[in-house]
Amino acid sequence: MRRDVFQAIADPTRREIIQLLARQPLTINAVADNFDISRPAISRHVRILTECGLLVIRKEGRERFCQADLRKLKQVSDWTDRYKKFWTKKLDDLEDFLAT
């Protein structure tokens, strides 16, 4: 099943994982050490983020390193920009109305 970036960022734990890995690549165990949830739960979150294209996993020997790939977040930025423009215009119109 292919997931999209919106599904990935819908969960606060996944958003925290992205933020953590945006600073530096970490092993899955190192990621799990930053959370109070089980290692299998972290693995599921990492799998979803990988399926969405927000994480890349590379193997070095026996270790698997997770690295953030934030290019997919542009989809979210583009989508929210449309609404930002809409609400900015609405608030500007309200300001003009209140000024008169």
PDB file of N, CA and C in Angstrom:
ATOM      1  N   MET A   1       0.840  -1.190   0.000  1.00  0.00           N
ATOM      2  CA  MET A   1       0.000   0.000   0.000  1.00  0.00           C
ATOM      3  C   MET A   1       0.879   1.245   0.000  1.00  0.00           C
ATOM      4  N   ARG A   2       0.669   2.116  -0.940  1.00  0.00           N
ATOM      5  CA  ARG A   2       1.438   3.351  -1.017  1.00  0.00           C
ATOM      6  C   ARG A   2       0.697   4.431  -0.235  1.00  0.00           C
ATOM      7  N   ARG A   3       1.376   5.018   0.685  1.00  0.00           N
ATOM      8  CA  ARG A   3       0.789   6.079   1.502  1.00  0.00           C
ATOM      9  C   ARG A   3       1.258   7.430   0.970  1.00  0.00           C
ATOM     10  N   ASP A   4       0.572   8.485   1.406  1.00  0.00           N
ATOM     11  CA  ASP A   4       1.023   9.801   0.976  1.00  0.00           C
ATOM     12  C   ASP A   4       1.584  10.588   2.150  1.00  0.00           C
ATOM     13  N   VAL A   5       2.191  11.699   1.837  1.00  0.00           N
ATOM     14  CA  VAL A   5       2.886  12.507   2.833  1.00  0.00           C
ATOM     15  C   VAL A   5       1.921  13.050   3.890  1.00  0.00           C
ATOM     16  N   PHE A   6       0.671  13.280   3.513  1.00  0.00           N
ATOM     17  CA  PHE A   6      -0.309  13.795   4.474  1.00  0.00           C
ATOM     18  C   PHE A   6      -0.615  12.762   5.555  1.00  0.00           C
ATOM     19  N   GLN A   7      -0.656  11.498   5.182  1.00  0.00           N
ATOM     20  CA  GLN A   7      -0.839  10.435   6.175  1.00  0.00           C
ATOM     21  C   GLN A   7       0.349  10.384   7.124  1.00  0.00           C
ATOM     22  N   ALA A   8       1.516  10.599   6.587  1.00  0.00           N
ATOM     23  CA  ALA A   8       2.723  10.532   7.413  1.00  0.00           C
ATOM     24  C   ALA A   8       2.734  11.617   8.479  1.00  0.00           C
ATOM     25  N   ILE A   9       2.410  12.828   8.102  1.00  0.00           N
ATOM     26  CA  ILE A   9       2.512  13.927   9.067  1.00  0.00           C
ATOM     27  C   ILE A   9       1.267  14.063   9.947  1.00  0.00           C
ATOM     28  N   ALA A  10       0.270  13.233   9.714  1.00  0.00           N
ATOM     29  CA  ALA A  10      -0.940  13.291  10.529  1.00  0.00           C
ATOM     30  C   ALA A  10      -0.681  12.822  11.959  1.00  0.00           C
ATOM     31  N   ASP A  11       0.341  12.035  12.162  1.00  0.00           N
ATOM     32  CA  ASP A  11       0.629  11.481  13.480  1.00  0.00           C
ATOM     33  C   ASP A  11       1.732  12.285  14.171  1.00  0.00           C
ATOM     34  N   PRO A  12       1.516  12.719  15.420  1.00  0.00           N
ATOM     35  CA  PRO A  12       2.522  13.533  16.106  1.00  0.00           C
ATOM     36  C   PRO A  12       3.848  12.802  16.337  1.00  0.00           C
ATOM     37  N   THR A  13       3.804  11.503  16.562  1.00  0.00           N
ATOM     38  CA  THR A  13       5.049  10.756  16.747  1.00  0.00           C
ATOM     39  C   THR A  13       5.860  10.760  15.459  1.00  0.00           C
ATOM     40  N   ARG A  14       5.197  10.584  14.335  1.00  0.00           N
ATOM     41  CA  ARG A  14       5.921  10.609  13.060  1.00  0.00           C
ATOM     42  C   ARG A  14       6.498  11.993  12.786  1.00  0.00           C
ATOM     43  N   ARG A  15       5.767  13.039  13.161  1.00  0.00           N
ATOM     44  CA  ARG A  15       6.313  14.388  12.990  1.00  0.00           C
ATOM     45  C   ARG A  15       7.568  14.574  13.844  1.00  0.00           C
ATOM     46  N   GLU A  16       7.554  14.036  15.050  1.00  0.00           N
ATOM     47  CA  GLU A  16       8.737  14.122  15.917  1.00  0.00           C
ATOM     48  C   GLU A  16       9.906  13.326  15.344  1.00  0.00           C
ATOM     49  N   ILE A  17       9.614  12.169  14.770  1.00  0.00           N
ATOM     50  CA  ILE A  17      10.674  11.365  14.147  1.00  0.00           C
ATOM     51  C   ILE A  17      11.292  12.131  12.988  1.00  0.00           C
ATOM     52  N   ILE A  18      10.470  12.759  12.160  1.00  0.00           N
ATOM     53  CA  ILE A  18      10.984  13.551  11.043  1.00  0.00           C
ATOM     54  C   ILE A  18      11.880  14.666  11.562  1.00  0.00           C
ATOM     55  N   GLN A  19      11.423  15.357  12.588  1.00  0.00           N
ATOM     56  CA  GLN A  19      12.202  16.456  13.154  1.00  0.00           C
ATOM     57  C   GLN A  19      13.537  15.950  13.691  1.00  0.00           C
ATOM     58  N   LEU A  20      13.522  14.825  14.366  1.00  0.00           N
ATOM     59  CA  LEU A  20      14.734  14.234  14.926  1.00  0.00           C
ATOM     60  C   LEU A  20      15.722  13.865  13.822  1.00  0.00           C
ATOM     61  N   LEU A  21      15.215  13.227  12.776  1.00  0.00           N
ATOM     62  CA  LEU A  21      16.085  12.750  11.703  1.00  0.00           C
ATOM     63  C   LEU A  21      16.481  13.856  10.727  1.00  0.00           C
ATOM     64  N   ALA A  22      15.810  14.991  10.783  1.00  0.00           N
ATOM     65  CA  ALA A  22      16.206  16.119   9.937  1.00  0.00           C
ATOM     66  C   ALA A  22      17.558  16.673  10.393  1.00  0.00           C
ATOM     67  N   ARG A  23      17.888  16.464  11.658  1.00  0.00           N
ATOM     68  CA  ARG A  23      19.155  16.948  12.202  1.00  0.00           C
ATOM     69  C   ARG A  23      20.324  16.036  11.846  1.00  0.00           C
ATOM     70  N   GLN A  24      20.072  14.706  11.914  1.00  0.00           N
ATOM     71  CA  GLN A  24      21.148  13.752  11.630  1.00  0.00           C
ATOM     72  C   GLN A  24      20.567  12.360  11.422  1.00  0.00           C
ATOM     73  N   PRO A  25      21.222  11.549  10.608  1.00  0.00           N
ATOM     74  CA  PRO A  25      20.773  10.161  10.444  1.00  0.00           C
ATOM     75  C   PRO A  25      21.006   9.377  11.740  1.00  0.00           C
ATOM     76  N   LEU A  26      20.081   8.492  12.059  1.00  0.00           N
ATOM     77  CA  LEU A  26      20.185   7.670  13.262  1.00  0.00           C
ATOM     78  C   LEU A  26      19.749   6.247  12.945  1.00  0.00           C
ATOM     79  N   THR A  27      20.220   5.304  13.756  1.00  0.00           N
ATOM     80  CA  THR A  27      19.714   3.947  13.635  1.00  0.00           C
ATOM     81  C   THR A  27      18.299   3.912  14.197  1.00  0.00           C
ATOM     82  N   ILE A  28      17.565   2.884  13.861  1.00  0.00           N
ATOM     83  CA  ILE A  28      16.202   2.754  14.382  1.00  0.00           C
ATOM     84  C   ILE A  28      16.228   2.656  15.903  1.00  0.00           C
ATOM     85  N   ASN A  29      17.221   1.956  16.455  1.00  0.00           N
ATOM     86  CA  ASN A  29      17.329   1.871  17.918  1.00  0.00           C
ATOM     87  C   ASN A  29      17.591   3.241  18.542  1.00  0.00           C
ATOM     88  N   ALA A  30      18.428   4.048  17.896  1.00  0.00           N
ATOM     89  CA  ALA A  30      18.696   5.398  18.407  1.00  0.00           C
ATOM     90  C   ALA A  30      17.446   6.264  18.325  1.00  0.00           C
ATOM     91  N   VAL A  31      16.662   6.081  17.276  1.00  0.00           N
ATOM     92  CA  VAL A  31      15.391   6.805  17.173  1.00  0.00           C
ATOM     93  C   VAL A  31      14.481   6.380  18.325  1.00  0.00           C
ATOM     94  N   ALA A  32      14.374   5.074  18.533  1.00  0.00           N
ATOM     95  CA  ALA A  32      13.487   4.539  19.576  1.00  0.00           C
ATOM     96  C   ALA A  32      13.879   5.033  20.965  1.00  0.00           C
ATOM     97  N   ASP A  33      15.168   5.262  21.189  1.00  0.00           N
ATOM     98  CA  ASP A  33      15.632   5.751  22.492  1.00  0.00           C
ATOM     99  C   ASP A  33      15.074   7.123  22.842  1.00  0.00           C
ATOM    100  N   ASN A  34      14.571   7.838  21.861  1.00  0.00           N
ATOM    101  CA  ASN A  34      14.029   9.184  22.091  1.00  0.00           C
ATOM    102  C   ASN A  34      12.537   9.193  22.411  1.00  0.00           C
ATOM    103  N   PHE A  35      11.918   8.013  22.469  1.00  0.00           N
ATOM    104  CA  PHE A  35      10.471   7.932  22.659  1.00  0.00           C
ATOM    105  C   PHE A  35      10.129   6.928  23.758  1.00  0.00           C
ATOM    106  N   ASP A  36       8.976   7.132  24.362  1.00  0.00           N
ATOM    107  CA  ASP A  36       8.486   6.236  25.413  1.00  0.00           C
ATOM    108  C   ASP A  36       7.501   5.220  24.860  1.00  0.00           C
ATOM    109  N   ILE A  37       7.730   4.772  23.640  1.00  0.00           N
ATOM    110  CA  ILE A  37       6.891   3.738  23.049  1.00  0.00           C
ATOM    111  C   ILE A  37       7.798   2.583  22.627  1.00  0.00           C
ATOM    112  N   SER A  38       7.214   1.467  22.307  1.00  0.00           N
ATOM    113  CA  SER A  38       7.992   0.264  22.014  1.00  0.00           C
ATOM    114  C   SER A  38       8.798   0.388  20.727  1.00  0.00           C
ATOM    115  N   ARG A  39       9.830  -0.405  20.645  1.00  0.00           N
ATOM    116  CA  ARG A  39      10.659  -0.465  19.436  1.00  0.00           C
ATOM    117  C   ARG A  39       9.831  -0.901  18.221  1.00  0.00           C
ATOM    118  N   PRO A  40       8.927  -1.923  18.350  1.00  0.00           N
ATOM    119  CA  PRO A  40       8.092  -2.280  17.207  1.00  0.00           C
ATOM    120  C   PRO A  40       7.181  -1.127  16.747  1.00  0.00           C
ATOM    121  N   ALA A  41       6.702  -0.321  17.689  1.00  0.00           N
ATOM    122  CA  ALA A  41       5.862   0.827  17.309  1.00  0.00           C
ATOM    123  C   ALA A  41       6.688   1.840  16.518  1.00  0.00           C
ATOM    124  N   ILE A  42       7.914   2.081  16.954  1.00  0.00           N
ATOM    125  CA  ILE A  42       8.797   2.993  16.213  1.00  0.00           C
ATOM    126  C   ILE A  42       9.073   2.427  14.826  1.00  0.00           C
ATOM    127  N   SER A  43       9.290   1.132  14.735  1.00  0.00           N
ATOM    128  CA  SER A  43       9.538   0.496  13.433  1.00  0.00           C
ATOM    129  C   SER A  43       8.358   0.682  12.487  1.00  0.00           C
ATOM    130  N   ARG A  44       7.139   0.586  13.016  1.00  0.00           N
ATOM    131  CA  ARG A  44       5.954   0.806  12.179  1.00  0.00           C
ATOM    132  C   ARG A  44       5.906   2.247  11.680  1.00  0.00           C
ATOM    133  N   HIS A  45       6.199   3.194  12.570  1.00  0.00           N
ATOM    134  CA  HIS A  45       6.213   4.604  12.163  1.00  0.00           C
ATOM    135  C   HIS A  45       7.287   4.839  11.095  1.00  0.00           C
ATOM    136  N   VAL A  46       8.455   4.254  11.290  1.00  0.00           N
ATOM    137  CA  VAL A  46       9.546   4.402  10.322  1.00  0.00           C
ATOM    138  C   VAL A  46       9.142   3.793   8.982  1.00  0.00           C
ATOM    139  N   ARG A  47       8.475   2.654   9.015  1.00  0.00           N
ATOM    140  CA  ARG A  47       8.029   2.017   7.769  1.00  0.00           C
ATOM    141  C   ARG A  47       7.060   2.930   7.017  1.00  0.00           C
ATOM    142  N   ILE A  48       6.115   3.526   7.727  1.00  0.00           N
ATOM    143  CA  ILE A  48       5.151   4.424   7.093  1.00  0.00           C
ATOM    144  C   ILE A  48       5.871   5.638   6.496  1.00  0.00           C
ATOM    145  N   LEU A  49       6.798   6.207   7.242  1.00  0.00           N
ATOM    146  CA  LEU A  49       7.545   7.364   6.739  1.00  0.00           C
ATOM    147  C   LEU A  49       8.372   6.993   5.513  1.00  0.00           C
ATOM    148  N   THR A  50       8.898   5.782   5.499  1.00  0.00           N
ATOM    149  CA  THR A  50       9.669   5.309   4.350  1.00  0.00           C
ATOM    150  C   THR A  50       8.759   5.106   3.144  1.00  0.00           C
ATOM    151  N   GLU A  51       7.586   4.511   3.369  1.00  0.00           N
ATOM    152  CA  GLU A  51       6.627   4.306   2.273  1.00  0.00           C
ATOM    153  C   GLU A  51       6.177   5.631   1.674  1.00  0.00           C
ATOM    154  N   CYS A  52       6.132   6.673   2.485  1.00  0.00           N
ATOM    155  CA  CYS A  52       5.706   7.993   2.009  1.00  0.00           C
ATOM    156  C   CYS A  52       6.846   8.767   1.361  1.00  0.00           C
ATOM    157  N   GLY A  53       8.042   8.251   1.448  1.00  0.00           N
ATOM    158  CA  GLY A  53       9.184   8.922   0.848  1.00  0.00           C
ATOM    159  C   GLY A  53       9.812   9.996   1.704  1.00  0.00           C
ATOM    160  N   LEU A  54       9.455  10.041   2.992  1.00  0.00           N
ATOM    161  CA  LEU A  54      10.032  11.043   3.882  1.00  0.00           C
ATOM    162  C   LEU A  54      11.295  10.565   4.585  1.00  0.00           C
ATOM    163  N   LEU A  55      11.535   9.268   4.564  1.00  0.00           N
ATOM    164  CA  LEU A  55      12.750   8.694   5.134  1.00  0.00           C
ATOM    165  C   LEU A  55      13.393   7.775   4.118  1.00  0.00           C
ATOM    166  N   VAL A  56      14.697   7.710   4.199  1.00  0.00           N
ATOM    167  CA  VAL A  56      15.481   6.765   3.415  1.00  0.00           C
ATOM    168  C   VAL A  56      16.265   5.935   4.415  1.00  0.00           C
ATOM    169  N   ILE A  57      16.277   4.620   4.213  1.00  0.00           N
ATOM    170  CA  ILE A  57      17.034   3.739   5.094  1.00  0.00           C
ATOM    171  C   ILE A  57      18.202   3.180   4.299  1.00  0.00           C
ATOM    172  N   ARG A  58      19.369   3.322   4.884  1.00  0.00           N
ATOM    173  CA  ARG A  58      20.555   2.750   4.238  1.00  0.00           C
ATOM    174  C   ARG A  58      21.241   1.814   5.229  1.00  0.00           C
ATOM    175  N   LYS A  59      21.799   0.752   4.688  1.00  0.00           N
ATOM    176  CA  LYS A  59      22.484  -0.236   5.522  1.00  0.00           C
ATOM    177  C   LYS A  59      23.978   0.050   5.539  1.00  0.00           C
ATOM    178  N   GLU A  60      24.532  -0.033   6.729  1.00  0.00           N
ATOM    179  CA  GLU A  60      25.976   0.023   6.923  1.00  0.00           C
ATOM    180  C   GLU A  60      26.323  -1.152   7.811  1.00  0.00           C
ATOM    181  N   GLY A  61      26.859  -2.185   7.212  1.00  0.00           N
ATOM    182  CA  GLY A  61      27.133  -3.395   7.975  1.00  0.00           C
ATOM    183  C   GLY A  61      25.831  -3.989   8.474  1.00  0.00           C
ATOM    184  N   ARG A  62      25.737  -4.164   9.787  1.00  0.00           N
ATOM    185  CA  ARG A  62      24.520  -4.729  10.372  1.00  0.00           C
ATOM    186  C   ARG A  62      23.519  -3.667  10.784  1.00  0.00           C
ATOM    187  N   GLU A  63      23.924  -2.431  10.715  1.00  0.00           N
ATOM    188  CA  GLU A  63      23.059  -1.330  11.148  1.00  0.00           C
ATOM    189  C   GLU A  63      22.239  -0.780   9.985  1.00  0.00           C
ATOM    190  N   ARG A  64      21.046  -0.313  10.320  1.00  0.00           N
ATOM    191  CA  ARG A  64      20.190   0.370   9.357  1.00  0.00           C
ATOM    192  C   ARG A  64      20.028   1.805   9.835  1.00  0.00           C
ATOM    193  N   PHE A  65      20.483   2.749   9.026  1.00  0.00           N
ATOM    194  CA  PHE A  65      20.398   4.166   9.370  1.00  0.00           C
ATOM    195  C   PHE A  65      19.217   4.808   8.650  1.00  0.00           C
ATOM    196  N   CYS A  66      18.479   5.605   9.396  1.00  0.00           N
ATOM    197  CA  CYS A  66      17.342   6.343   8.848  1.00  0.00           C
ATOM    198  C   CYS A  66      17.796   7.782   8.620  1.00  0.00           C
ATOM    199  N   GLN A  67      17.420   8.308   7.482  1.00  0.00           N
ATOM    200  CA  GLN A  67      17.761   9.683   7.145  1.00  0.00           C
ATOM    201  C   GLN A  67      16.527  10.361   6.563  1.00  0.00           C
ATOM    202  N   ALA A  68      16.266  11.577   7.007  1.00  0.00           N
ATOM    203  CA  ALA A  68      15.110  12.324   6.511  1.00  0.00           C
ATOM    204  C   ALA A  68      15.352  12.780   5.081  1.00  0.00           C
ATOM    205  N   ASP A  69      14.298  12.707   4.284  1.00  0.00           N
ATOM    206  CA  ASP A  69      14.298  13.253   2.921  1.00  0.00           C
ATOM    207  C   ASP A  69      13.084  14.169   2.851  1.00  0.00           C
ATOM    208  N   LEU A  70      13.317  15.443   3.064  1.00  0.00           N
ATOM    209  CA  LEU A  70      12.227  16.397   3.272  1.00  0.00           C
ATOM    210  C   LEU A  70      11.642  16.972   1.985  1.00  0.00           C
ATOM    211  N   ARG A  71      12.109  16.518   0.844  1.00  0.00           N
ATOM    212  CA  ARG A  71      11.598  17.070  -0.419  1.00  0.00           C
ATOM    213  C   ARG A  71      10.098  16.842  -0.580  1.00  0.00           C
ATOM    214  N   LYS A  72       9.570  15.737  -0.063  1.00  0.00           N
ATOM    215  CA  LYS A  72       8.126  15.442  -0.192  1.00  0.00           C
ATOM    216  C   LYS A  72       7.271  16.438   0.589  1.00  0.00           C
ATOM    217  N   LEU A  73       7.856  17.102   1.572  1.00  0.00           N
ATOM    218  CA  LEU A  73       7.080  18.075   2.347  1.00  0.00           C
ATOM    219  C   LEU A  73       6.677  19.282   1.510  1.00  0.00           C
ATOM    220  N   LYS A  74       7.286  19.438   0.350  1.00  0.00           N
ATOM    221  CA  LYS A  74       6.886  20.519  -0.554  1.00  0.00           C
ATOM    222  C   LYS A  74       5.425  20.367  -0.958  1.00  0.00           C
ATOM    223  N   GLN A  75       4.944  19.127  -1.067  1.00  0.00           N
ATOM    224  CA  GLN A  75       3.523  18.901  -1.379  1.00  0.00           C
ATOM    225  C   GLN A  75       2.641  19.540  -0.323  1.00  0.00           C
ATOM    226  N   VAL A  76       3.021  19.411   0.928  1.00  0.00           N
ATOM    227  CA  VAL A  76       2.254  19.994   2.030  1.00  0.00           C
ATOM    228  C   VAL A  76       2.337  21.511   1.973  1.00  0.00           C
ATOM    229  N   SER A  77       3.523  22.018   1.711  1.00  0.00           N
ATOM    230  CA  SER A  77       3.716  23.460   1.617  1.00  0.00           C
ATOM    231  C   SER A  77       2.880  24.056   0.485  1.00  0.00           C
ATOM    232  N   ASP A  78       2.903  23.409  -0.663  1.00  0.00           N
ATOM    233  CA  ASP A  78       2.109  23.892  -1.804  1.00  0.00           C
ATOM    234  C   ASP A  78       0.622  23.889  -1.484  1.00  0.00           C
ATOM    235  N   TRP A  79       0.155  22.847  -0.832  1.00  0.00           N
ATOM    236  CA  TRP A  79      -1.263  22.724  -0.497  1.00  0.00           C
ATOM    237  C   TRP A  79      -1.678  23.794   0.506  1.00  0.00           C
ATOM    238  N   THR A  80      -0.860  24.015   1.540  1.00  0.00           N
ATOM    239  CA  THR A  80      -1.218  25.011   2.559  1.00  0.00           C
ATOM    240  C   THR A  80      -1.096  26.432   2.025  1.00  0.00           C
ATOM    241  N   ASP A  81      -0.208  26.651   1.050  1.00  0.00           N
ATOM    242  CA  ASP A  81      -0.069  27.992   0.475  1.00  0.00           C
ATOM    243  C   ASP A  81      -1.366  28.483  -0.158  1.00  0.00           C
ATOM    244  N   ARG A  82      -2.105  27.569  -0.763  1.00  0.00           N
ATOM    245  CA  ARG A  82      -3.384  27.979  -1.369  1.00  0.00           C
ATOM    246  C   ARG A  82      -4.318  28.554  -0.314  1.00  0.00           C
ATOM    247  N   TYR A  83      -4.366  27.934   0.841  1.00  0.00           N
ATOM    248  CA  TYR A  83      -5.253  28.391   1.904  1.00  0.00           C
ATOM    249  C   TYR A  83      -4.700  29.624   2.599  1.00  0.00           C
ATOM    250  N   LYS A  84      -3.408  29.732   2.654  1.00  0.00           N
ATOM    251  CA  LYS A  84      -2.800  30.928   3.229  1.00  0.00           C
ATOM    252  C   LYS A  84      -3.188  32.154   2.406  1.00  0.00           C
ATOM    253  N   LYS A  85      -3.111  32.033   1.091  1.00  0.00           N
ATOM    254  CA  LYS A  85      -3.496  33.140   0.210  1.00  0.00           C
ATOM    255  C   LYS A  85      -4.970  33.488   0.391  1.00  0.00           C
ATOM    256  N   PHE A  86      -5.816  32.461   0.483  1.00  0.00           N
ATOM    257  CA  PHE A  86      -7.253  32.671   0.662  1.00  0.00           C
ATOM    258  C   PHE A  86      -7.521  33.446   1.946  1.00  0.00           C
ATOM    259  N   TRP A  87      -6.945  32.970   3.073  1.00  0.00           N
ATOM    260  CA  TRP A  87      -7.221  33.611   4.353  1.00  0.00           C
ATOM    261  C   TRP A  87      -6.562  34.979   4.468  1.00  0.00           C
ATOM    262  N   THR A  88      -5.433  35.169   3.844  1.00  0.00           N
ATOM    263  CA  THR A  88      -4.803  36.486   3.852  1.00  0.00           C
ATOM    264  C   THR A  88      -5.709  37.495   3.158  1.00  0.00           C
ATOM    265  N   LYS A  89      -6.281  37.104   2.026  1.00  0.00           N
ATOM    266  CA  LYS A  89      -7.199  38.004   1.316  1.00  0.00           C
ATOM    267  C   LYS A  89      -8.435  38.291   2.169  1.00  0.00           C
ATOM    268  N   LYS A  90      -8.990  37.246   2.791  1.00  0.00           N
ATOM    269  CA  LYS A  90     -10.176  37.447   3.633  1.00  0.00           C
ATOM    270  C   LYS A  90      -9.871  38.402   4.788  1.00  0.00           C
ATOM    271  N   LEU A  91      -8.744  38.242   5.422  1.00  0.00           N
ATOM    272  CA  LEU A  91      -8.397  39.117   6.544  1.00  0.00           C
ATOM    273  C   LEU A  91      -8.098  40.542   6.076  1.00  0.00           C
ATOM    274  N   ASP A  92      -7.477  40.665   4.902  1.00  0.00           N
ATOM    275  CA  ASP A  92      -7.259  42.007   4.342  1.00  0.00           C
ATOM    276  C   ASP A  92      -8.588  42.686   4.034  1.00  0.00           C
ATOM    277  N   ASP A  93      -9.533  41.927   3.480  1.00  0.00           N
ATOM    278  CA  ASP A  93     -10.861  42.476   3.199  1.00  0.00           C
ATOM    279  C   ASP A  93     -11.563  42.899   4.492  1.00  0.00           C
ATOM    280  N   LEU A  94     -11.427  42.096   5.546  1.00  0.00           N
ATOM    281  CA  LEU A  94     -12.015  42.435   6.833  1.00  0.00           C
ATOM    282  C   LEU A  94     -11.387  43.700   7.392  1.00  0.00           C
ATOM    283  N   GLU A  95     -10.096  43.809   7.283  1.00  0.00           N
ATOM    284  CA  GLU A  95      -9.404  45.005   7.756  1.00  0.00           C
ATOM    285  C   GLU A  95      -9.897  46.250   7.034  1.00  0.00           C
ATOM    286  N   ASP A  96     -10.053  46.140   5.701  1.00  0.00           N
ATOM    287  CA  ASP A  96     -10.560  47.266   4.917  1.00  0.00           C
ATOM    288  C   ASP A  96     -11.984  47.619   5.339  1.00  0.00           C
ATOM    289  N   PHE A  97     -12.820  46.620   5.580  1.00  0.00           N
ATOM    290  CA  PHE A  97     -14.194  46.843   5.994  1.00  0.00           C
ATOM    291  C   PHE A  97     -14.237  47.546   7.351  1.00  0.00           C
ATOM    292  N   LEU A  98     -13.430  47.086   8.283  1.00  0.00           N
ATOM    293  CA  LEU A  98     -13.415  47.678   9.613  1.00  0.00           C
ATOM    294  C   LEU A  98     -12.835  49.089   9.614  1.00  0.00           C
ATOM    295  N   ALA A  99     -11.969  49.383   8.672  1.00  0.00           N
ATOM    296  CA  ALA A  99     -11.363  50.725   8.575  1.00  0.00           C
ATOM    297  C   ALA A  99     -12.363  51.747   8.060  1.00  0.00           C
ATOM    298  N   THR A 100     -13.417  51.297   7.338  1.00  0.00           N
ATOM    299  CA  THR A 100     -14.375  52.251   6.779  1.00  0.00           C
ATOM    300  C   THR A 100     -15.553  52.499   7.711  1.00  0.00           C
TER     301      THR A 100
END
